Protein backbone atom coordinates (compact mmCIF):
# COMPACT_ATOMS: atom_id res chain seq x y z
CA MET A 1 -16.20 26.89 52.13
CA ASN A 2 -17.68 24.52 49.29
CA GLU A 3 -21.12 22.99 48.96
CA ALA A 4 -19.90 19.75 51.00
CA GLY A 5 -18.73 22.14 53.95
CA LYS A 6 -15.10 21.48 53.11
CA PRO A 7 -12.69 24.40 52.82
CA PHE A 8 -11.27 25.08 49.30
CA ARG A 9 -7.70 23.96 48.83
CA PRO A 10 -5.15 26.94 48.48
CA ILE A 11 -4.61 27.92 44.76
CA ARG A 12 -0.85 28.01 43.69
CA ASP A 13 0.15 31.26 41.70
CA PRO A 14 0.46 31.10 38.02
CA PHE A 15 4.13 31.23 36.73
CA VAL A 16 5.64 31.59 33.33
CA VAL A 17 7.04 28.02 32.17
CA GLN A 18 10.92 27.80 31.58
CA GLU A 19 11.70 27.12 28.12
CA ALA A 20 13.56 23.69 27.35
CA THR A 21 17.02 23.94 26.77
CA GLY A 22 17.32 20.68 24.50
CA VAL A 23 17.26 20.89 20.84
CA ALA A 24 17.02 17.70 18.49
CA ILE A 25 16.69 17.76 14.62
CA ARG A 26 16.63 14.74 12.36
CA ASP A 27 17.30 14.07 8.75
CA ARG A 28 17.16 10.96 6.72
CA LEU A 29 20.31 8.95 5.38
CA LYS A 30 19.63 8.73 1.72
CA ASP A 31 21.32 6.69 -1.13
CA LEU A 32 23.23 4.39 1.43
CA THR A 33 25.01 1.58 -0.46
CA PRO A 34 24.72 -2.05 0.52
CA GLN A 35 28.36 -1.85 2.04
CA ASP A 36 27.09 1.21 4.13
CA GLU A 37 24.05 -0.63 5.37
CA LYS A 38 26.48 -3.61 6.32
CA ILE A 39 28.71 -1.54 8.20
CA LEU A 40 26.06 0.21 10.12
CA ARG A 41 24.34 -3.04 11.21
CA LEU A 42 27.69 -4.65 12.27
CA THR A 43 28.77 -1.60 14.08
CA GLY A 44 25.26 -1.14 15.96
CA ALA A 45 25.42 -4.92 16.98
CA HIS A 46 28.64 -5.15 18.37
CA LEU A 47 28.17 -1.84 20.24
CA GLY A 48 24.50 -2.92 21.37
CA SER A 49 26.10 -6.21 22.73
CA LEU A 50 28.62 -4.21 24.78
CA ALA A 51 26.10 -1.90 25.93
CA ALA A 52 23.73 -4.72 27.15
CA ALA A 53 26.39 -6.51 28.95
CA ASP A 54 27.74 -3.09 30.80
CA LEU A 55 23.95 -2.29 31.66
CA ALA A 56 23.60 -5.81 33.44
CA LEU A 57 26.86 -5.29 35.25
CA TYR A 58 25.92 -1.81 36.61
CA SER A 59 22.46 -2.89 37.71
CA ARG A 60 23.82 -6.12 39.40
CA ALA A 61 26.47 -3.73 41.42
CA GLY A 62 23.72 -2.40 43.41
CA PHE A 63 25.20 0.42 45.68
CA GLU A 64 28.59 -0.84 45.46
CA ARG A 65 29.65 1.49 42.73
CA THR A 66 32.85 3.63 42.94
CA ASN A 67 35.03 5.77 40.56
CA ARG A 68 37.36 2.74 40.43
CA SER A 69 34.72 0.40 39.25
CA TRP A 70 33.55 2.85 36.57
CA ALA A 71 37.30 3.12 35.37
CA THR A 72 37.42 -0.64 35.21
CA ARG A 73 34.20 -0.75 33.17
CA LYS A 74 35.45 1.65 30.69
CA GLN A 75 38.80 0.15 30.46
CA ASP A 76 37.09 -3.12 29.47
CA LEU A 77 34.80 -1.42 27.02
CA THR A 78 37.98 0.49 25.48
CA ALA A 79 39.73 -2.75 24.55
CA GLN A 80 36.74 -4.04 22.72
CA SER A 81 35.74 -0.57 20.99
CA SER A 82 37.54 2.82 21.47
CA SER A 83 37.95 5.30 24.21
CA ARG A 84 35.13 7.64 22.92
CA TRP A 85 32.76 4.83 22.41
CA ALA A 86 33.47 3.41 25.72
CA GLY A 87 32.56 6.99 27.28
CA SER A 88 29.16 6.90 24.99
CA LEU A 89 28.42 3.55 26.37
CA THR A 90 29.08 4.13 30.12
CA LYS A 91 27.11 7.49 29.76
CA GLY A 92 24.09 5.63 28.27
CA THR A 93 24.38 2.89 30.69
CA HIS A 94 23.94 5.63 33.61
CA ASP A 95 21.19 7.32 31.76
CA GLN A 96 19.43 4.36 31.28
CA TYR A 97 19.99 3.03 34.86
CA ALA A 98 18.57 6.51 36.05
CA LEU A 99 15.50 6.32 34.13
CA ALA A 100 14.56 2.97 35.42
CA ARG A 101 15.29 4.17 38.67
CA ARG A 102 12.92 6.96 38.65
CA GLY A 103 9.97 4.59 37.01
CA GLN A 104 10.76 2.32 39.77
CA PHE A 105 9.94 4.81 42.47
CA ALA A 106 6.87 5.96 40.34
CA TYR A 107 5.73 2.23 40.31
CA ARG A 108 6.27 1.80 44.00
CA ASP A 109 4.17 4.97 44.71
CA LYS A 110 1.36 3.74 42.31
CA LEU A 111 1.21 0.35 44.27
CA ALA A 112 1.30 2.20 47.58
CA ASP A 113 -1.73 4.24 46.56
CA GLY A 114 -3.71 1.08 45.14
CA VAL A 115 -3.03 -0.74 48.60
CA ARG A 116 -4.01 2.18 50.70
CA MET A 117 -7.18 2.62 48.82
CA LEU A 118 -8.06 -1.24 48.75
CA MET A 119 -7.44 -1.30 52.49
CA HIS A 120 -9.71 1.79 52.88
CA ARG A 121 -12.66 0.15 50.93
CA LEU A 122 -12.33 -3.22 52.40
CA SER A 123 -12.65 -2.06 55.84
CA LEU A 124 -16.09 -0.53 55.08
CA PRO A 125 -19.32 -2.59 55.13
CA VAL A 126 -20.51 -3.85 51.88
CA GLY A 127 -22.84 -1.68 50.25
CA GLU A 128 -21.99 1.36 52.26
CA LYS A 129 -22.04 4.48 50.20
CA GLY A 130 -19.17 6.80 50.31
CA ALA A 131 -18.97 10.69 50.95
CA LYS A 132 -17.95 13.15 48.18
CA GLY A 133 -14.45 12.46 47.34
CA ASN A 134 -14.13 9.43 49.06
CA PRO A 135 -15.25 5.84 47.80
CA GLY A 136 -17.36 3.75 49.92
CA GLY A 137 -17.43 0.19 50.44
CA TYR A 138 -17.92 -2.34 47.66
CA ARG A 139 -21.18 -3.24 46.12
CA SER A 140 -21.43 -7.17 46.62
CA GLN A 141 -19.72 -9.90 48.84
CA GLY A 142 -18.33 -11.22 45.53
CA GLU A 143 -16.48 -7.99 44.55
CA TRP A 144 -15.13 -7.58 48.16
CA PHE A 145 -13.72 -11.29 47.84
CA HIS A 146 -11.97 -10.36 44.68
CA LYS A 147 -10.66 -7.08 45.72
CA SER A 148 -9.25 -8.88 48.96
CA ARG A 149 -7.38 -11.10 46.66
CA ARG A 150 -6.06 -8.31 44.38
CA LEU A 151 -4.88 -6.52 47.74
CA HIS A 152 -2.74 -9.72 48.58
CA ILE A 153 -1.42 -9.36 44.85
CA LEU A 154 -0.46 -5.58 45.16
CA LYS A 155 1.17 -6.05 48.41
CA THR A 156 3.51 -8.78 46.94
CA ARG A 157 4.38 -6.61 44.14
CA LEU A 158 5.02 -4.09 46.53
CA ALA A 159 7.40 -5.73 48.68
CA ALA A 160 9.22 -6.86 45.77
CA VAL A 161 9.76 -3.45 44.44
CA GLU A 162 10.87 -2.01 47.75
CA ASN A 163 13.30 -4.89 48.25
CA ASP A 164 14.77 -3.86 44.65
CA ILE A 165 15.05 -0.37 45.57
CA ALA A 166 16.60 -1.19 48.89
CA ALA A 167 19.11 -3.23 46.96
CA GLY A 168 19.63 -0.54 44.14
CA ARG A 169 18.70 -3.04 41.56
CA VAL A 170 16.43 -2.26 38.51
CA HIS A 171 15.17 -4.31 35.62
CA VAL A 172 15.75 -3.02 32.39
CA VAL A 173 15.00 -4.50 28.86
CA ARG A 174 17.00 -3.17 26.14
CA GLY A 175 14.89 -2.99 23.26
CA GLY A 176 11.58 -2.29 25.14
CA LYS A 177 9.48 -4.37 27.38
CA ARG A 178 6.41 -4.54 25.07
CA LEU A 179 8.42 -5.59 22.10
CA ALA A 180 9.92 -8.34 24.34
CA ARG A 181 6.27 -9.34 25.30
CA ASN A 182 5.15 -9.41 21.61
CA ARG A 183 7.33 -12.40 20.95
CA HIS A 184 4.99 -14.45 23.07
CA ASN A 185 1.93 -13.35 20.90
CA LEU A 186 3.00 -12.63 17.56
CA ALA A 187 -0.53 -12.95 16.01
CA ALA A 188 -2.24 -10.47 18.29
CA ALA A 189 0.73 -7.93 17.60
CA GLY A 190 0.32 -8.37 13.80
CA LEU A 191 4.04 -9.61 13.31
CA THR A 192 5.67 -12.62 11.91
CA GLU A 193 8.70 -14.13 13.61
CA THR A 194 11.03 -12.62 10.80
CA GLY A 195 9.65 -9.32 11.24
CA TRP A 196 9.62 -9.11 15.01
CA ARG A 197 13.24 -10.51 14.98
CA GLU A 198 14.44 -7.55 12.60
CA ARG A 199 12.71 -5.10 14.92
CA TRP A 200 14.24 -6.58 18.03
CA GLU A 201 17.68 -6.55 16.78
CA ALA A 202 17.40 -2.86 15.22
CA ALA A 203 16.03 -1.71 18.89
CA ARG A 204 18.96 -3.16 20.53
CA TRP A 205 21.78 -1.56 18.51
CA PHE A 206 23.83 1.35 19.99
CA LEU A 207 25.04 3.92 17.32
CA SER A 208 25.07 7.01 19.64
CA ALA A 209 27.97 9.40 20.34
CA ASP A 210 28.05 12.41 22.66
CA GLY A 211 29.63 15.62 21.48
CA GLU A 212 32.73 17.06 22.64
CA SER A 213 33.35 20.74 22.66
CA GLY A 214 36.87 21.80 21.11
CA LYS A 215 36.77 18.88 18.87
CA ARG A 216 36.40 19.19 15.00
CA PHE A 217 32.84 19.71 14.20
CA GLY A 218 31.82 18.83 17.94
CA ASN A 219 31.92 15.05 17.79
CA GLU A 220 35.03 12.80 16.90
CA THR A 221 32.92 9.55 16.96
CA ILE A 222 30.22 10.33 14.47
CA ARG A 223 31.29 13.38 12.69
CA VAL A 224 29.14 15.45 10.19
CA THR A 225 30.88 18.12 8.39
CA PRO A 226 29.47 21.50 7.09
CA ASP A 227 28.70 19.87 3.52
CA GLY A 228 26.80 16.86 5.11
CA GLU A 229 29.70 14.03 4.80
CA VAL A 230 28.91 11.56 7.63
CA SER A 231 31.76 9.38 9.02
CA ILE A 232 31.75 6.82 11.85
CA LYS A 233 34.89 5.82 13.97
CA LEU A 234 34.81 2.13 13.90
CA PRO A 235 35.46 -0.04 16.95
CA LYS A 236 38.86 -1.93 17.10
CA PRO A 237 37.29 -5.40 15.89
CA LEU A 238 35.73 -3.62 12.53
CA GLU A 239 38.84 -1.28 11.77
CA TYR A 240 39.66 -3.49 8.80
CA LEU A 241 36.58 -2.47 7.12
CA ALA A 242 37.47 1.45 7.12
CA ASN A 243 37.50 3.44 4.06
CA ALA A 244 39.12 6.34 5.39
CA PRO A 245 42.56 6.95 7.59
CA ARG A 246 42.45 6.43 11.36
CA GLY A 247 39.89 3.47 11.38
CA ARG A 248 36.89 5.79 10.00
CA PHE A 249 34.27 4.65 7.58
CA VAL A 250 32.65 7.68 5.43
CA LEU A 251 29.16 7.03 4.31
CA SER A 252 28.00 7.61 0.73
CA ALA A 253 25.02 9.57 2.04
CA ARG A 254 24.68 13.06 2.73
CA VAL A 255 22.56 15.02 5.09
CA ALA A 256 20.98 18.53 5.09
CA PHE A 257 19.11 19.61 8.19
CA GLY A 258 16.40 21.91 7.04
CA TYR A 259 14.76 22.70 10.55
CA ARG A 260 17.28 24.63 12.58
CA GLY A 261 19.90 23.90 10.01
CA ALA A 262 21.56 27.46 10.56
CA GLU A 263 21.97 26.81 14.32
CA TRP A 264 23.34 23.28 13.70
CA ALA A 265 26.04 24.64 11.17
CA ASP A 266 26.99 27.48 13.45
CA ARG A 267 27.69 24.90 16.23
CA ILE A 268 29.91 22.64 14.14
CA ALA A 269 31.74 25.71 12.50
CA HIS A 270 32.88 26.86 16.21
CA HIS A 271 33.48 23.09 17.10
CA ARG A 272 30.68 23.15 19.86
CA ALA A 273 29.55 19.90 21.25
CA VAL A 274 26.82 18.07 19.04
CA ALA A 275 25.54 14.57 20.00
CA TYR A 276 24.48 12.06 17.09
CA GLU A 277 22.38 9.00 16.89
CA ILE A 278 21.78 6.63 13.86
CA HIS A 279 18.83 4.39 13.97
CA LEU A 280 16.85 2.32 11.55
CA ASP A 281 13.03 2.44 11.07
CA VAL A 282 12.56 -1.19 10.27
CA LEU A 283 8.81 -0.65 9.01
CA LYS A 284 9.96 2.00 6.52
CA GLY A 285 13.49 0.44 5.86
CA ARG A 286 14.88 3.96 6.17
CA TRP A 287 18.01 5.13 8.15
CA TYR A 288 17.84 8.24 10.00
CA LEU A 289 20.53 10.74 11.84
CA THR A 290 19.42 12.54 14.77
CA ALA A 291 21.44 15.58 15.90
CA SER A 292 21.01 17.20 19.42
CA TRP A 293 22.46 19.57 21.66
CA LYS A 294 21.93 21.75 24.62
CA ARG A 295 21.46 25.57 24.47
CA PRO A 296 22.04 28.03 27.49
CA ALA A 297 18.89 28.65 29.59
CA ILE A 298 17.09 31.61 28.66
CA GLN A 299 15.63 34.15 31.24
CA VAL A 300 11.75 33.88 30.92
CA ILE A 301 9.71 36.95 30.38
CA PRO A 302 8.18 38.45 33.64
CA LEU A 303 4.50 37.45 34.30
CA GLN A 304 3.26 41.04 33.92
CA ALA A 305 4.89 41.34 30.25
CA ALA A 306 3.02 38.03 29.57
CA ARG A 307 -0.22 39.36 30.69
CA ALA A 308 -0.08 42.63 28.83
CA GLY A 309 -2.05 42.68 25.75
CA GLY A 310 -4.14 39.63 27.19
CA LEU A 311 -3.75 35.97 26.59
CA ILE A 312 -5.46 32.75 25.55
CA GLY A 313 -6.90 30.53 27.84
CA VAL A 314 -6.56 26.62 26.73
CA ASP A 315 -8.42 23.90 28.50
CA THR A 316 -6.76 20.58 27.52
CA ASN A 317 -9.13 17.56 26.87
CA ALA A 318 -8.95 13.99 25.57
CA ASP A 319 -9.71 14.94 21.99
CA HIS A 320 -9.44 18.72 21.56
CA PHE A 321 -7.88 22.05 22.85
CA ALA A 322 -10.71 24.42 23.95
CA ALA A 323 -9.35 27.88 23.53
CA TYR A 324 -10.60 31.31 24.25
CA ARG A 325 -8.83 34.87 23.97
CA LEU A 326 -9.17 37.38 26.89
CA ASP A 327 -8.08 41.01 26.97
CA ALA A 328 -5.66 42.51 29.59
CA HIS A 329 -8.88 43.05 31.81
CA GLY A 330 -9.86 39.46 31.76
CA ASN A 331 -12.94 39.72 29.28
CA PRO A 332 -13.62 37.31 26.68
CA VAL A 333 -13.03 38.41 23.21
CA GLY A 334 -14.95 37.07 20.15
CA ASN A 335 -15.97 33.31 19.83
CA PRO A 336 -14.40 30.18 21.35
CA HIS A 337 -11.99 28.22 19.15
CA ARG A 338 -11.47 24.26 19.30
CA PHE A 339 -8.53 22.64 17.79
CA THR A 340 -9.23 18.63 17.60
CA TYR A 341 -7.08 15.68 17.53
CA ASP A 342 -7.16 11.96 17.51
CA LEU A 343 -5.08 9.97 19.94
CA THR A 344 -6.06 6.54 18.48
CA GLY A 345 -3.49 4.39 16.42
CA SER A 346 0.20 4.46 16.37
CA ALA A 347 2.48 6.49 18.52
CA ASP A 348 3.71 8.21 15.38
CA HIS A 349 -0.03 9.16 14.46
CA ARG A 350 -0.88 10.41 17.95
CA ASP A 351 2.35 12.35 18.04
CA ALA A 352 1.59 14.08 14.47
CA GLN A 353 -2.13 14.95 15.64
CA LEU A 354 -0.79 16.79 18.46
CA ARG A 355 1.43 18.66 16.77
CA HIS A 356 -0.85 19.42 14.04
CA ALA A 357 -3.30 20.81 16.60
CA LEU A 358 -0.58 22.74 18.64
CA SER A 359 0.62 24.40 15.24
CA GLN A 360 -3.01 25.49 14.61
CA LEU A 361 -3.09 26.95 18.07
CA LEU A 362 0.13 28.89 17.87
CA ARG A 363 -0.69 30.30 14.45
CA TRP A 364 -3.85 31.65 15.64
CA ALA A 365 -2.28 33.22 18.68
CA THR A 366 0.44 34.84 16.55
CA ARG A 367 -2.25 36.00 14.23
CA ILE A 368 -4.48 37.95 16.81
CA GLY A 369 -1.29 39.56 18.50
CA VAL A 370 -1.11 37.84 22.09
CA ARG A 371 2.07 37.27 23.84
CA ALA A 372 1.13 34.27 26.06
CA ILE A 373 -0.80 30.93 26.31
CA ALA A 374 -2.14 29.96 29.52
CA VAL A 375 -2.51 26.14 30.34
CA GLU A 376 -3.38 24.02 33.45
CA ASP A 377 -0.51 22.52 35.12
CA LEU A 378 -2.13 19.22 35.28
CA ASP A 379 -0.76 15.89 36.73
CA PHE A 380 -2.82 12.83 37.13
CA SER A 381 0.10 10.76 38.55
CA ASP A 382 -1.65 10.29 41.81
CA GLY A 383 -5.11 9.65 40.39
CA LYS A 384 -4.71 7.17 37.60
CA THR A 385 -4.89 3.96 39.49
CA ARG A 386 -8.37 2.04 39.21
CA GLU A 387 -8.90 1.70 42.88
CA ASN A 388 -9.51 5.34 42.99
CA PHE A 389 -12.54 5.31 40.89
CA GLY A 390 -14.11 1.94 41.27
CA ARG A 391 -15.91 1.06 38.40
CA LYS A 392 -15.70 4.38 36.39
CA LYS A 393 -13.78 2.61 33.75
CA ARG A 394 -14.47 5.21 30.89
CA PHE A 395 -13.39 7.95 33.47
CA ARG A 396 -10.23 6.23 34.10
CA GLN A 397 -9.64 5.89 30.17
CA LEU A 398 -10.36 9.38 29.83
CA ILE A 399 -7.85 10.51 32.49
CA HIS A 400 -5.35 7.98 30.97
CA GLY A 401 -6.02 9.48 27.54
CA MET A 402 -5.11 13.15 28.28
CA PRO A 403 -1.57 13.55 27.09
CA THR A 404 -0.80 16.10 29.86
CA GLY A 405 2.90 15.80 30.10
CA LYS A 406 3.45 15.65 26.16
CA VAL A 407 1.29 18.77 25.67
CA LYS A 408 3.20 20.68 28.25
CA ALA A 409 6.41 19.72 26.57
CA ARG A 410 5.46 20.23 23.24
CA LEU A 411 3.53 23.43 23.74
CA VAL A 412 6.52 25.14 25.34
CA ASN A 413 9.07 24.21 22.81
CA MET A 414 6.81 25.16 19.91
CA ALA A 415 5.56 28.33 21.60
CA ALA A 416 9.45 29.41 21.97
CA GLU A 417 9.56 29.26 18.16
CA HIS A 418 6.68 31.68 17.77
CA GLY A 419 7.82 33.98 20.43
CA LEU A 420 5.07 33.21 22.68
CA ALA A 421 5.37 32.57 26.47
CA VAL A 422 3.44 29.62 28.31
CA VAL A 423 1.75 30.38 31.76
CA ALA A 424 0.84 27.62 33.83
CA VAL A 425 -1.95 28.02 36.48
CA ASP A 426 -3.39 25.77 39.16
CA ALA A 427 -6.14 23.19 37.68
CA ALA A 428 -8.20 23.60 41.08
CA TYR A 429 -12.11 24.40 40.35
CA THR A 430 -11.27 25.73 36.68
CA SER A 431 -13.96 23.59 35.13
CA LYS A 432 -16.50 23.77 37.56
CA TRP A 433 -16.42 27.64 38.16
CA GLY A 434 -16.06 28.33 34.60
CA THR A 435 -19.12 26.57 33.63
CA GLU A 436 -20.98 28.13 36.71
CA HIS A 437 -20.17 31.81 35.87
CA TRP A 438 -19.42 31.88 32.11
CA LYS A 439 -21.30 29.34 30.14
CA THR A 440 -24.88 30.61 30.48
CA PRO A 441 -23.86 34.41 30.05
CA LEU A 442 -22.20 33.63 27.02
CA THR A 443 -24.45 31.38 25.26
CA SER A 444 -26.57 32.96 22.43
CA SER A 445 -28.34 31.81 19.26
CA LYS A 446 -25.05 32.56 17.49
CA ARG A 447 -22.61 31.27 20.09
CA ALA A 448 -22.53 27.53 21.25
CA MET A 449 -20.66 27.39 24.59
CA THR A 450 -19.28 24.04 26.18
CA ARG A 451 -18.03 23.67 29.59
CA HIS A 452 -14.76 23.39 28.07
CA ASP A 453 -14.99 26.73 26.45
CA ALA A 454 -15.90 28.07 29.69
CA ALA A 455 -12.99 26.51 31.56
CA GLY A 456 -10.63 27.88 29.00
CA ILE A 457 -11.96 31.48 30.15
CA ALA A 458 -11.47 30.52 33.63
CA ILE A 459 -7.84 29.53 33.06
CA GLY A 460 -7.22 32.58 31.46
CA ARG A 461 -8.59 34.94 34.11
CA ARG A 462 -6.49 33.02 36.62
CA ALA A 463 -3.45 33.59 34.49
CA LEU A 464 -4.23 37.13 34.12
CA GLY A 465 -4.57 37.33 38.07
CA TYR A 466 -8.42 38.03 38.36
CA PRO A 467 -10.90 35.97 39.95
CA ILE A 468 -13.01 33.25 38.15
CA ARG A 469 -16.29 34.59 39.29
CA ARG A 470 -17.81 37.52 37.91
CA ARG A 471 -19.56 38.76 40.97
CA THR A 472 -18.89 38.63 44.74
CA ALA A 473 -21.21 37.43 46.93
CA PRO A 474 -23.70 40.28 48.79
CA PRO A 475 -22.71 41.49 52.09
CA ARG A 476 -23.85 39.21 54.93
CA HIS A 477 -24.73 41.61 57.67
CA HIS A 478 -26.89 43.91 55.88
CA GLN A 479 -28.41 44.84 52.28
CA SER A 480 -26.52 47.91 51.55
CA ASP A 481 -23.26 48.47 49.94
CA GLY A 482 -21.54 49.50 52.99
CA ASP A 483 -18.50 47.10 52.47
CA GLY A 484 -18.11 48.06 48.84
CA HIS A 485 -19.88 47.57 45.61
CA ARG A 486 -21.05 43.75 44.83
CA THR A 487 -19.49 43.68 41.39
CA VAL A 488 -15.81 43.17 41.43
CA GLN A 489 -15.26 44.42 37.99
CA ALA A 490 -17.00 47.97 38.47
CA ASP A 491 -14.74 50.57 40.19
CA ARG A 492 -16.24 53.70 41.78
CA GLY A 493 -15.65 55.85 38.71
CA THR A 494 -17.30 53.39 36.24
CA PRO A 495 -20.03 54.87 34.17
CA GLY A 496 -23.41 53.11 34.84
CA ARG A 497 -22.18 51.61 38.02
CA GLU A 498 -25.27 52.92 39.74
CA GLY A 499 -27.65 51.54 37.06
CA LEU A 500 -29.95 48.64 36.79
CA ARG A 501 -28.13 45.19 37.36
CA ARG A 502 -28.60 42.50 35.23
CA THR A 503 -30.42 38.98 36.22
CA ARG A 504 -28.39 35.85 36.08
CA HIS A 505 -29.71 35.13 32.43
CA GLY A 506 -28.18 38.52 31.13
CA THR A 507 -31.47 40.54 31.06
CA THR A 508 -32.60 43.82 32.71
CA PRO A 509 -35.11 43.62 35.47
CA GLN A 510 -38.88 44.16 34.50
CA ARG A 511 -39.52 48.15 34.68
CA ALA A 512 -42.24 49.57 36.80
CA ALA A 513 -45.53 50.64 35.05
CA THR A 514 -46.15 53.80 33.69
CA GLY A 515 -46.56 56.60 36.34
CA HIS A 516 -44.56 54.83 39.09
CA ALA A 517 -41.22 55.36 40.17
CA VAL A 518 -38.34 53.01 39.51
CA THR A 519 -36.27 53.18 42.39
CA ALA A 520 -34.86 49.52 42.62
CA GLY A 521 -31.90 50.29 40.76
CA ASN A 522 -31.36 53.97 41.44
CA GLN A 523 -28.91 53.87 44.30
CA ARG A 524 -29.17 57.68 44.88
CA ALA A 525 -32.82 57.68 45.65
CA GLN A 526 -32.01 55.03 48.56
CA HIS A 527 -31.19 56.19 52.03
CA ARG A 528 -27.61 55.14 52.10
CA SER A 529 -24.34 56.48 53.45
CA GLY A 530 -22.10 58.06 50.97
CA HIS A 531 -24.69 59.21 48.37
CA VAL A 532 -26.00 62.66 47.48
CA ALA A 533 -29.58 61.83 48.62
CA GLU A 534 -28.95 62.21 52.17
CA HIS A 535 -27.96 65.97 51.67
CA GLU A 536 -31.10 67.03 50.08
CA SER A 537 -33.35 69.73 51.65
CA TRP A 538 -35.97 67.40 52.34
CA GLN A 539 -34.10 65.16 54.48
CA GLN A 540 -35.08 65.31 58.18
CA ASP A 541 -32.73 66.40 60.50
CA SER A 542 -31.09 64.28 63.24
CA LEU A 543 -32.72 64.55 66.80
CA PRO A 544 -30.85 66.60 69.25
CA LEU A 545 -28.89 64.54 71.84
CA SER A 546 -30.09 66.98 74.65
CA SER A 547 -32.84 69.13 75.37
């Protein structure tokens, strides 16, 4: 039971996170001629219009989709492009629809949580305080009125989403909803109409081709040879612009993948599938080619092997990682380490900051020789709604600012390159118990401990299979050690086990004055079962049971 009288929720067992199987690398298409850029723009615009029409048709069909309808769609697209481009277009439509469908379900759950919380708080009297973990009523009648109106709005949105889900209909904006909304307020977005139009058209292009195993260099639509030559299969309406046989256009640029280049070269040499995507960065005016493929799933190392030699416990925060090294016995080693990052600014800046902090963490882990990194299995999907926290706007912003999903995905992929395993643990009570049991004992004049550093120790101990608490509670029915020693880390054969215990602040108890016996910490001087003191010659014999 906790302080509020509620039982602690069950703690899930730690587990080793499975390494991601998807791989993507990118290189810039340099030295493109004006004719090359013209071909790429025309091809992307033509295929983008076909992709938009196919997505609209697929979404309006609802649940009336069969193999016959898919074949009909592909035949129509083949007549306007090619059979391979038609396959890529229909697969892209299915993937985008599935992604929108998952987002639709998540949006419905978010609205349902908001409606449920609003109805709960509106049912309480105005000004009533809530219990721990449950919000109370609203502070004023005016706030109650505004929240009641918001309840009607959320119910209307929820009903609309449920109708779309029942009909199998999704709403997708090719090019991005945010960019579409920026068109109505260009000044706030810092864009001109011409600049917005260029970004909008580039975002709606389609220049992506799936790989095919057994085909030449793993892809017949966008082909990249081992020496870096890039060629594209032109759609039928644009075949007259080809500069190579069979309706192909060879670009003047050459690519050379530096990262994972050897793995990519091995795949295309054995004609295994590699997917390619060409896109334009309008702000920089640069063209890029992205290659991606799927690797077979690799069996993760056992949890016991990851624990051997200790690990690093990492607490994820809104602006830094708090990491602490622990040995195989769960003891903190050295001083805490903090790896900061700044999640303000553009998406590229945030991503670069996150990658830099993770790189520093992984280099430190490799240098000290651990085999695993322990992180919390965080998920705030059910706690981000503002109805759950009332007026705690800064706390909501803090929760939203923590990149939990992106950290886990990037950490797993980057750790695999360093030969490190990632152990995920239950996040329950790690910050609270870490602060309670580890912050004060480890704080000294030469070491500054924060609650985040203490949480890193708690995460690491849970990953190693040890309890977070440093000591167990004393026996309740008597003051002896009949139920076992009070310190969970001290076994029967541990030297100094019977010595003086340290106080909460890490100091030894005050010694007795000169000439007086000190028996408080000497367990053998006490009359307790299991000690030699009971068998000394001065011990009184037990009384006979009968005369």
